[in-house]
C-alpha cells in the first residue's frame, strides 16, 4: 500500500492498499501528467514481472494490480520517476537474477514503454566494499 500526507509530511495516513496479487510490496509511484498515480510494485506471483496499479483519486484507492510482462523482473526493487511528461522506469530486466540494469520510458497513456536502454550489462546488485 501507500502512505499519504496532505501537509508536506508533518502527518501521515494510510492510503490505497493493493489487491490482485501476493506479497505486493516495495512500490514506487509517479504522478502522471493527467493527475493519476501510477504504482510500480514488486510481488511474488508468476509471471516474474512488475505489477502496475493506477489510482485516480490521489492515492486513496487503487485499481487491482495487473502484471506487466513487458517489464520482466527478478523480484527485486524497481524505481520510477517522472521528468516533465515522461515517466522513466529502472530495474534489472532479467527474471532470473539481478543483472541487466535498464531504463525505459513509459507511455503514460497506454502504460506501454519504449525499447529498454541498457545501463549495466551484467551484475547489478548490492555493492561489496
Protein backbone atom coordinates (compact mmCIF):
# COMPACT_ATOMS: atom_id res chain seq x y z
CA UNK A 1 0.00 0.00 0.00
CA UNK A 2 0.95 3.60 0.32
CA UNK A 3 1.05 6.40 2.86
CA UNK A 4 -0.39 9.86 2.16
CA UNK A 5 0.30 13.30 3.59
CA UNK A 6 -1.73 16.44 2.99
CA UNK A 7 0.59 18.72 4.97
CA UNK A 8 4.02 18.25 3.43
CA UNK A 9 4.93 15.22 5.54
CA UNK A 10 4.09 16.52 9.01
CA UNK A 11 1.41 13.85 9.44
CA UNK A 12 0.73 10.64 7.52
CA UNK A 13 -2.22 8.32 6.98
CA UNK A 14 -2.92 5.06 5.17
CA UNK A 15 -3.80 5.30 1.51
CA UNK A 16 -4.51 2.68 -1.13
CA UNK A 17 -3.99 -1.00 -0.36
CA UNK A 18 -3.09 -3.07 -3.42
CA UNK A 19 -5.08 -6.14 -4.39
CA UNK A 20 -4.84 -8.82 -7.04
CA UNK A 21 -1.51 -10.43 -6.16
CA UNK A 22 0.62 -11.97 -3.40
CA UNK A 23 3.21 -10.11 -1.35
CA UNK A 24 2.68 -6.79 -3.08
CA UNK A 25 5.49 -4.67 -1.63
CA UNK A 26 8.35 -2.26 -2.34
CA UNK A 27 6.36 0.01 -4.58
CA UNK A 28 7.40 3.18 -6.34
CA UNK A 29 4.95 5.75 -7.62
CA UNK A 30 4.79 8.67 -10.01
CA UNK A 31 2.07 11.20 -10.67
CA UNK A 32 1.14 11.10 -14.35
CA UNK A 33 0.55 14.34 -16.29
CA UNK A 34 -3.23 13.75 -16.12
CA UNK A 35 -3.16 13.54 -12.29
CA UNK A 36 -3.43 9.76 -11.93
CA UNK A 37 -0.89 7.99 -9.73
CA UNK A 38 0.95 5.04 -11.27
CA UNK A 39 2.29 2.45 -8.82
CA UNK A 40 5.06 0.05 -9.86
CA UNK A 41 5.06 -2.90 -7.44
CA UNK A 42 7.25 -5.88 -6.61
CA UNK A 43 5.36 -9.15 -5.99
CA UNK A 44 5.96 -12.88 -5.58
CA UNK A 45 3.41 -14.26 -8.07
CA UNK A 46 4.12 -15.58 -11.53
CA UNK A 47 4.96 -14.30 -14.06
CA UNK A 48 8.21 -12.70 -12.94
CA UNK A 49 7.49 -9.15 -13.95
CA UNK A 50 6.42 -5.87 -12.36
CA UNK A 51 2.85 -5.31 -11.19
CA UNK A 52 1.22 -1.98 -12.00
CA UNK A 53 -1.74 -0.29 -10.35
CA UNK A 54 -3.36 3.09 -11.01
CA UNK A 55 -5.09 5.48 -8.63
CA UNK A 56 -7.49 8.09 -9.93
CA UNK A 57 -8.12 9.75 -6.55
CA UNK A 58 -4.69 10.84 -5.38
CA UNK A 59 -3.72 7.50 -3.84
CA UNK A 60 -6.81 7.00 -1.66
CA UNK A 61 -7.69 3.84 -3.62
CA UNK A 62 -6.13 1.90 -6.49
CA UNK A 63 -7.39 -0.45 -9.16
CA UNK A 64 -6.34 -4.12 -8.76
CA UNK A 65 -2.81 -4.75 -10.00
CA UNK A 66 -2.07 -6.02 -13.46
CA UNK A 67 1.04 -7.99 -14.24
CA UNK A 68 3.06 -6.26 -16.95
CA UNK A 69 5.05 -8.96 -18.72
CA UNK A 70 6.77 -6.29 -20.82
CA UNK A 71 8.56 -5.31 -17.58
CA UNK A 72 10.39 -8.54 -16.59
CA UNK A 73 11.78 -8.52 -13.07
CA UNK A 74 13.75 -10.88 -10.78
CA UNK A 75 11.66 -9.86 -7.75
CA UNK A 76 13.84 -7.04 -6.54
CA UNK A 77 13.27 -3.31 -6.16
CA UNK A 78 12.45 -1.25 -9.24
CA UNK A 79 12.32 2.52 -9.37
CA UNK A 80 10.28 5.07 -11.28
CA UNK A 81 10.42 8.83 -11.70
CA UNK A 82 8.53 11.43 -13.70
CA UNK A 83 10.54 14.04 -15.58
CA UNK A 84 8.30 16.54 -17.36
CA UNK A 85 5.65 14.47 -19.13
CA UNK A 86 7.84 11.37 -19.31
CA UNK A 87 7.87 8.56 -16.73
CA UNK A 88 11.07 6.50 -16.52
CA UNK A 89 11.28 3.01 -15.05
CA UNK A 90 14.54 1.36 -13.89
CA UNK A 91 15.06 -2.28 -12.91
CA UNK A 92 17.09 -5.41 -13.54
CA UNK A 93 15.48 -6.71 -16.73
CA UNK A 94 16.01 -10.41 -16.23
CA UNK A 95 13.52 -12.62 -14.39
CA UNK A 96 16.33 -14.97 -13.29
CA UNK A 97 18.61 -12.57 -11.43
CA UNK A 98 19.88 -9.10 -10.65
CA UNK A 99 21.53 -8.40 -13.99
CA UNK A 100 20.99 -6.12 -16.98
CA UNK A 101 20.01 -2.87 -15.28
CA UNK A 102 17.83 -0.98 -17.76
CA UNK A 103 15.81 2.21 -18.03
CA UNK A 104 12.61 2.51 -20.04
CA UNK A 105 10.45 5.49 -20.89
CA UNK A 106 6.82 4.59 -20.20
CA UNK A 107 3.99 5.97 -22.29
CA UNK A 108 1.57 7.25 -19.64
CA UNK A 109 -1.45 6.93 -21.95
CA UNK A 110 -1.11 3.25 -22.81
CA UNK A 111 1.30 2.45 -19.97
CA UNK A 112 3.49 0.87 -22.64
CA UNK A 113 7.20 1.50 -22.92
CA UNK A 114 9.94 2.32 -25.35
CA UNK A 115 12.68 -0.24 -26.02
CA UNK A 116 14.92 -0.57 -22.95
CA UNK A 117 18.21 1.28 -22.79
CA UNK A 118 20.83 -0.83 -21.03
CA UNK A 119 22.62 0.89 -18.15
CA UNK A 120 24.67 -2.02 -16.83
CA UNK A 121 25.06 -5.27 -18.76
CA UNK A 122 25.92 -7.93 -16.21
CA UNK A 123 25.72 -7.91 -12.41
CA UNK A 124 23.53 -5.14 -10.98
CA UNK A 125 23.18 -5.69 -7.27
CA UNK A 126 24.43 -4.57 -3.88
CA UNK A 127 27.97 -3.26 -3.87
CA UNK A 128 30.58 -5.11 -1.89
CA UNK A 129 33.16 -2.83 -0.32
